[in-house]
């Protein structure tokens, strides 16, 4: 059974930092590109950052480029998102997922709430 468990969210002031973690199980983690997504209230879920299977290639949404860094540890089946210089517009529930055909492949986990106060 596939499980995606996100953690590390919280309340932080504008300009602060958080590190999100995602623990994956139930599939061969190293066989999949992974990505972080976020969904703000009243908005569609959007991709924030992606990373290739071995971690050698990453991509970012323009809105987070230069502030967020995605990484992964295939030995631990985990993917991370380091978020720096946070802005109120980064407030959202953040999710991770395997990427197939450019979209999140498995059922979504519960996500982790990130709230950035101004």
N, C-alpha and C. Protein backbone atom coordinates (compact mmCIF):
# COMPACT_ATOMS: atom_id res chain seq x y z
N UNK A 1 0.85 -1.19 0.00
CA UNK A 1 0.00 0.00 0.00
C UNK A 1 0.89 1.24 0.00
N UNK A 2 0.64 2.12 -0.95
CA UNK A 2 1.44 3.32 -1.06
C UNK A 2 1.06 4.30 0.05
N UNK A 3 2.10 4.85 0.68
CA UNK A 3 1.88 5.90 1.67
C UNK A 3 2.84 7.05 1.39
N UNK A 4 2.33 8.25 1.47
CA UNK A 4 3.11 9.47 1.36
C UNK A 4 2.79 10.30 2.60
N UNK A 5 3.79 10.51 3.45
CA UNK A 5 3.57 11.19 4.72
C UNK A 5 4.44 12.43 4.77
N UNK A 6 3.80 13.58 4.70
CA UNK A 6 4.50 14.85 4.73
C UNK A 6 4.58 15.38 6.16
N UNK A 7 5.66 16.07 6.45
CA UNK A 7 5.83 16.66 7.79
C UNK A 7 6.75 17.88 7.69
N UNK A 8 6.80 18.65 8.77
CA UNK A 8 7.72 19.77 8.85
C UNK A 8 7.09 21.13 8.67
N UNK A 9 5.80 21.18 8.38
CA UNK A 9 5.14 22.46 8.22
C UNK A 9 4.98 23.18 9.55
N UNK A 10 4.46 24.39 9.47
CA UNK A 10 4.24 25.16 10.68
C UNK A 10 3.96 26.60 10.36
N UNK A 11 3.97 27.41 11.42
CA UNK A 11 3.75 28.84 11.30
C UNK A 11 5.10 29.54 11.39
N UNK A 12 5.39 30.39 10.43
CA UNK A 12 6.67 31.08 10.40
C UNK A 12 6.44 32.51 9.92
N UNK A 13 7.30 33.41 10.36
CA UNK A 13 7.20 34.80 9.92
C UNK A 13 7.77 34.96 8.52
N UNK A 14 7.32 35.97 7.85
CA UNK A 14 7.85 36.30 6.52
C UNK A 14 9.38 36.44 6.60
N UNK A 15 10.05 35.82 5.65
CA UNK A 15 11.51 35.82 5.65
C UNK A 15 12.13 34.61 6.33
N UNK A 16 11.30 33.83 7.00
CA UNK A 16 11.79 32.66 7.72
C UNK A 16 11.99 31.45 6.82
N UNK A 17 12.36 30.34 7.46
CA UNK A 17 12.66 29.11 6.73
C UNK A 17 11.95 27.92 7.36
N UNK A 18 11.68 26.93 6.55
CA UNK A 18 11.16 25.64 6.99
C UNK A 18 11.75 24.56 6.10
N UNK A 19 11.85 23.36 6.65
CA UNK A 19 12.28 22.20 5.86
C UNK A 19 11.20 21.14 5.95
N UNK A 20 10.61 20.84 4.82
CA UNK A 20 9.58 19.81 4.75
C UNK A 20 10.22 18.46 4.41
N UNK A 21 9.62 17.41 4.95
CA UNK A 21 10.06 16.04 4.65
C UNK A 21 8.86 15.24 4.16
N UNK A 22 9.15 14.29 3.31
CA UNK A 22 8.11 13.37 2.83
C UNK A 22 8.68 11.96 2.88
N UNK A 23 8.02 11.11 3.65
CA UNK A 23 8.41 9.71 3.75
C UNK A 23 7.51 8.89 2.84
N UNK A 24 8.11 8.17 1.91
CA UNK A 24 7.35 7.38 0.94
C UNK A 24 7.53 5.90 1.21
N UNK A 25 6.47 5.13 1.00
CA UNK A 25 6.55 3.68 1.14
C UNK A 25 5.53 3.03 0.22
N UNK A 26 5.74 1.74 -0.04
CA UNK A 26 4.80 0.98 -0.84
C UNK A 26 5.10 0.97 -2.33
N UNK A 27 6.17 1.63 -2.73
CA UNK A 27 6.58 1.59 -4.14
C UNK A 27 8.11 1.74 -4.19
N UNK A 28 8.68 1.43 -5.34
CA UNK A 28 10.14 1.51 -5.48
C UNK A 28 10.49 2.97 -5.70
N UNK A 29 10.86 3.62 -4.60
CA UNK A 29 11.04 5.08 -4.57
C UNK A 29 12.04 5.55 -5.62
N UNK A 30 13.14 4.85 -5.74
CA UNK A 30 14.21 5.30 -6.64
C UNK A 30 13.84 5.18 -8.11
N UNK A 31 12.72 4.54 -8.42
CA UNK A 31 12.27 4.41 -9.80
C UNK A 31 11.45 5.60 -10.29
N UNK A 32 11.16 6.54 -9.38
CA UNK A 32 10.25 7.61 -9.72
C UNK A 32 10.86 8.99 -9.51
N UNK A 33 10.61 9.90 -10.46
CA UNK A 33 10.79 11.31 -10.16
C UNK A 33 9.79 11.68 -9.07
N UNK A 34 10.15 12.65 -8.28
CA UNK A 34 9.27 13.10 -7.19
C UNK A 34 9.06 14.60 -7.29
N UNK A 35 8.02 15.06 -6.69
CA UNK A 35 7.74 16.49 -6.73
C UNK A 35 7.01 16.92 -5.46
N UNK A 36 7.15 18.19 -5.16
CA UNK A 36 6.36 18.84 -4.13
C UNK A 36 5.30 19.71 -4.82
N UNK A 37 4.11 19.67 -4.26
CA UNK A 37 2.99 20.45 -4.73
C UNK A 37 2.45 21.27 -3.56
N UNK A 38 1.65 22.27 -3.86
CA UNK A 38 0.98 23.01 -2.81
C UNK A 38 -0.41 23.45 -3.28
N UNK A 39 -1.28 23.60 -2.30
CA UNK A 39 -2.63 24.06 -2.58
C UNK A 39 -3.02 25.10 -1.55
N UNK A 40 -3.24 26.30 -2.02
CA UNK A 40 -3.69 27.38 -1.16
C UNK A 40 -5.21 27.40 -1.16
N UNK A 41 -5.81 27.97 -0.12
CA UNK A 41 -7.27 28.01 -0.05
C UNK A 41 -7.88 28.64 -1.30
N UNK A 42 -8.86 27.95 -1.89
CA UNK A 42 -9.55 28.47 -3.05
C UNK A 42 -8.79 28.39 -4.35
N UNK A 43 -7.63 27.73 -4.32
CA UNK A 43 -6.81 27.65 -5.54
C UNK A 43 -6.57 26.20 -5.92
N UNK A 44 -6.17 26.00 -7.17
CA UNK A 44 -5.83 24.67 -7.65
C UNK A 44 -4.48 24.24 -7.05
N UNK A 45 -4.30 22.94 -6.93
CA UNK A 45 -2.99 22.42 -6.53
C UNK A 45 -1.99 22.70 -7.64
N UNK A 46 -0.79 23.14 -7.25
CA UNK A 46 0.23 23.47 -8.24
C UNK A 46 1.55 22.81 -7.88
N UNK A 47 2.31 22.52 -8.91
CA UNK A 47 3.63 21.95 -8.70
C UNK A 47 4.59 23.04 -8.27
N UNK A 48 5.41 22.74 -7.27
CA UNK A 48 6.36 23.70 -6.74
C UNK A 48 7.79 23.36 -7.16
N UNK A 49 8.14 22.09 -7.03
CA UNK A 49 9.50 21.66 -7.34
C UNK A 49 9.51 20.19 -7.68
N UNK A 50 10.40 19.79 -8.58
CA UNK A 50 10.52 18.39 -8.96
C UNK A 50 11.97 17.96 -8.96
N UNK A 51 12.18 16.65 -8.83
CA UNK A 51 13.53 16.10 -8.81
C UNK A 51 13.53 14.77 -9.53
N UNK A 52 14.58 14.52 -10.28
CA UNK A 52 14.68 13.29 -11.06
C UNK A 52 14.94 12.09 -10.14
N UNK A 53 14.90 10.92 -10.72
CA UNK A 53 14.99 9.68 -9.94
C UNK A 53 16.28 9.60 -9.12
N UNK A 54 17.38 9.99 -9.72
CA UNK A 54 18.66 9.93 -9.02
C UNK A 54 19.02 11.23 -8.33
N UNK A 55 18.21 12.24 -8.53
CA UNK A 55 18.43 13.54 -7.88
C UNK A 55 19.31 14.50 -8.64
N UNK A 56 19.73 14.12 -9.84
CA UNK A 56 20.66 14.96 -10.57
C UNK A 56 20.03 16.16 -11.26
N UNK A 57 18.73 16.10 -11.45
CA UNK A 57 18.04 17.21 -12.13
C UNK A 57 16.87 17.67 -11.28
N UNK A 58 16.73 18.99 -11.18
CA UNK A 58 15.65 19.58 -10.43
C UNK A 58 14.99 20.67 -11.28
N UNK A 59 13.77 20.97 -10.93
CA UNK A 59 13.07 22.09 -11.58
C UNK A 59 12.16 22.74 -10.57
N UNK A 60 11.89 24.02 -10.79
CA UNK A 60 11.14 24.82 -9.83
C UNK A 60 10.14 25.71 -10.53
N UNK A 61 9.04 25.97 -9.85
CA UNK A 61 8.12 27.00 -10.30
C UNK A 61 8.82 28.35 -10.20
N UNK A 62 8.49 29.24 -11.11
CA UNK A 62 9.13 30.55 -11.10
C UNK A 62 8.94 31.26 -9.77
N UNK A 63 7.81 31.03 -9.14
CA UNK A 63 7.47 31.74 -7.90
C UNK A 63 8.38 31.35 -6.73
N UNK A 64 9.07 30.21 -6.83
CA UNK A 64 9.91 29.76 -5.71
C UNK A 64 11.37 29.62 -6.09
N UNK A 65 11.68 29.84 -7.35
CA UNK A 65 13.06 29.67 -7.83
C UNK A 65 14.00 30.57 -7.05
N UNK A 66 15.11 30.01 -6.58
CA UNK A 66 16.07 30.77 -5.82
C UNK A 66 15.79 30.79 -4.33
N UNK A 67 14.61 30.35 -3.92
CA UNK A 67 14.25 30.33 -2.49
C UNK A 67 14.07 28.92 -1.96
N UNK A 68 13.56 28.02 -2.80
CA UNK A 68 13.29 26.64 -2.39
C UNK A 68 14.30 25.70 -3.02
N UNK A 69 14.63 24.62 -2.29
CA UNK A 69 15.53 23.59 -2.81
C UNK A 69 14.95 22.23 -2.52
N UNK A 70 14.77 21.43 -3.57
CA UNK A 70 14.28 20.07 -3.40
C UNK A 70 15.47 19.12 -3.41
N UNK A 71 15.38 18.08 -2.58
CA UNK A 71 16.42 17.06 -2.55
C UNK A 71 15.78 15.73 -2.18
N UNK A 72 16.53 14.67 -2.34
CA UNK A 72 15.98 13.35 -2.00
C UNK A 72 17.10 12.46 -1.46
N UNK A 73 16.67 11.46 -0.70
CA UNK A 73 17.58 10.45 -0.16
C UNK A 73 16.96 9.10 -0.51
N UNK A 74 17.46 8.47 -1.56
CA UNK A 74 16.85 7.21 -2.00
C UNK A 74 17.08 6.07 -1.01
N UNK A 75 18.11 6.17 -0.21
CA UNK A 75 18.36 5.14 0.80
C UNK A 75 17.31 5.19 1.91
N UNK A 76 16.75 6.37 2.13
CA UNK A 76 15.74 6.54 3.19
C UNK A 76 14.33 6.68 2.63
N UNK A 77 14.19 6.64 1.30
CA UNK A 77 12.87 6.83 0.67
C UNK A 77 12.23 8.14 1.11
N UNK A 78 13.03 9.19 1.08
CA UNK A 78 12.52 10.49 1.51
C UNK A 78 12.86 11.58 0.48
N UNK A 79 11.97 12.54 0.41
CA UNK A 79 12.21 13.73 -0.39
C UNK A 79 11.99 14.94 0.52
N UNK A 80 12.78 15.97 0.29
CA UNK A 80 12.78 17.14 1.17
C UNK A 80 12.53 18.41 0.36
N UNK A 81 12.05 19.43 1.07
CA UNK A 81 11.92 20.74 0.47
C UNK A 81 12.41 21.77 1.48
N UNK A 82 13.56 22.36 1.20
CA UNK A 82 14.07 23.44 2.01
C UNK A 82 13.49 24.74 1.48
N UNK A 83 12.80 25.45 2.35
CA UNK A 83 12.12 26.69 1.95
C UNK A 83 12.72 27.85 2.72
N UNK A 84 13.33 28.77 2.02
CA UNK A 84 13.93 29.96 2.62
C UNK A 84 13.21 31.21 2.13
N UNK A 85 13.45 32.30 2.83
CA UNK A 85 12.86 33.59 2.43
C UNK A 85 11.37 33.46 2.17
N UNK A 86 10.69 32.82 3.09
CA UNK A 86 9.26 32.55 2.90
C UNK A 86 8.45 33.83 2.85
N UNK A 87 7.40 33.78 2.04
CA UNK A 87 6.51 34.92 1.84
C UNK A 87 5.09 34.51 2.21
N UNK A 88 4.23 35.47 2.57
CA UNK A 88 2.84 35.11 2.88
C UNK A 88 2.16 34.33 1.76
N UNK A 89 2.52 34.61 0.52
CA UNK A 89 1.90 33.89 -0.60
C UNK A 89 2.36 32.44 -0.72
N UNK A 90 3.32 32.03 0.11
CA UNK A 90 3.70 30.62 0.15
C UNK A 90 2.78 29.82 1.07
N UNK A 91 1.89 30.49 1.76
CA UNK A 91 0.95 29.80 2.65
C UNK A 91 0.09 28.82 1.85
N UNK A 92 0.11 27.57 2.27
CA UNK A 92 -0.61 26.51 1.56
C UNK A 92 -0.42 25.20 2.30
N UNK A 93 -1.17 24.20 1.88
CA UNK A 93 -0.87 22.83 2.29
C UNK A 93 0.07 22.24 1.24
N UNK A 94 1.16 21.66 1.72
CA UNK A 94 2.18 21.13 0.83
C UNK A 94 2.11 19.60 0.81
N UNK A 95 2.22 19.05 -0.41
CA UNK A 95 2.13 17.62 -0.63
C UNK A 95 3.33 17.15 -1.46
N UNK A 96 3.67 15.89 -1.30
CA UNK A 96 4.65 15.28 -2.20
C UNK A 96 3.96 14.16 -2.97
N UNK A 97 4.54 13.80 -4.10
CA UNK A 97 4.02 12.68 -4.87
C UNK A 97 5.05 12.23 -5.88
N UNK A 98 4.93 10.99 -6.30
CA UNK A 98 5.69 10.51 -7.44
C UNK A 98 5.11 11.14 -8.69
N UNK A 99 5.96 11.34 -9.67
CA UNK A 99 5.54 12.00 -10.90
C UNK A 99 5.58 11.01 -12.05
N UNK A 100 4.44 10.84 -12.71
CA UNK A 100 4.35 10.02 -13.91
C UNK A 100 3.57 10.81 -14.94
N UNK A 101 4.13 10.98 -16.11
CA UNK A 101 3.44 11.75 -17.13
C UNK A 101 3.22 13.19 -16.74
N UNK A 102 4.08 13.68 -15.88
CA UNK A 102 3.98 15.08 -15.51
C UNK A 102 3.00 15.41 -14.40
N UNK A 103 2.36 14.40 -13.86
CA UNK A 103 1.38 14.66 -12.80
C UNK A 103 1.62 13.75 -11.60
N UNK A 104 1.09 14.12 -10.45
CA UNK A 104 1.17 13.27 -9.27
C UNK A 104 0.45 11.96 -9.52
N UNK A 105 1.13 10.87 -9.20
CA UNK A 105 0.66 9.56 -9.63
C UNK A 105 -0.17 8.83 -8.58
N UNK A 106 0.24 8.89 -7.34
CA UNK A 106 -0.43 8.12 -6.31
C UNK A 106 -1.47 8.97 -5.58
N UNK A 107 -2.29 8.30 -4.77
CA UNK A 107 -3.24 9.03 -3.94
C UNK A 107 -2.48 10.00 -3.04
N UNK A 108 -3.06 11.16 -2.87
CA UNK A 108 -2.39 12.19 -2.10
C UNK A 108 -2.39 11.86 -0.61
N UNK A 109 -1.31 12.25 0.07
CA UNK A 109 -1.26 12.13 1.52
C UNK A 109 -2.04 13.25 2.17
N UNK A 110 -1.85 13.41 3.47
CA UNK A 110 -2.60 14.43 4.19
C UNK A 110 -2.00 15.82 4.04
N UNK A 111 -0.77 15.87 3.57
CA UNK A 111 -0.13 17.17 3.40
C UNK A 111 0.36 17.74 4.71
N UNK A 112 1.10 18.83 4.62
CA UNK A 112 1.56 19.55 5.80
C UNK A 112 1.31 21.04 5.58
N UNK A 113 0.71 21.66 6.58
CA UNK A 113 0.30 23.07 6.46
C UNK A 113 1.50 23.99 6.70
N UNK A 114 1.69 24.91 5.78
CA UNK A 114 2.69 25.97 5.94
C UNK A 114 1.94 27.30 5.96
N UNK A 115 2.15 28.06 7.02
CA UNK A 115 1.53 29.36 7.16
C UNK A 115 2.61 30.40 7.39
N UNK A 116 2.64 31.40 6.52
CA UNK A 116 3.65 32.46 6.62
C UNK A 116 2.94 33.76 6.97
N UNK A 117 3.29 34.31 8.11
CA UNK A 117 2.67 35.55 8.56
C UNK A 117 3.49 36.75 8.09
N UNK A 118 2.80 37.82 7.84
CA UNK A 118 3.49 39.04 7.34
C UNK A 118 3.96 39.91 8.49
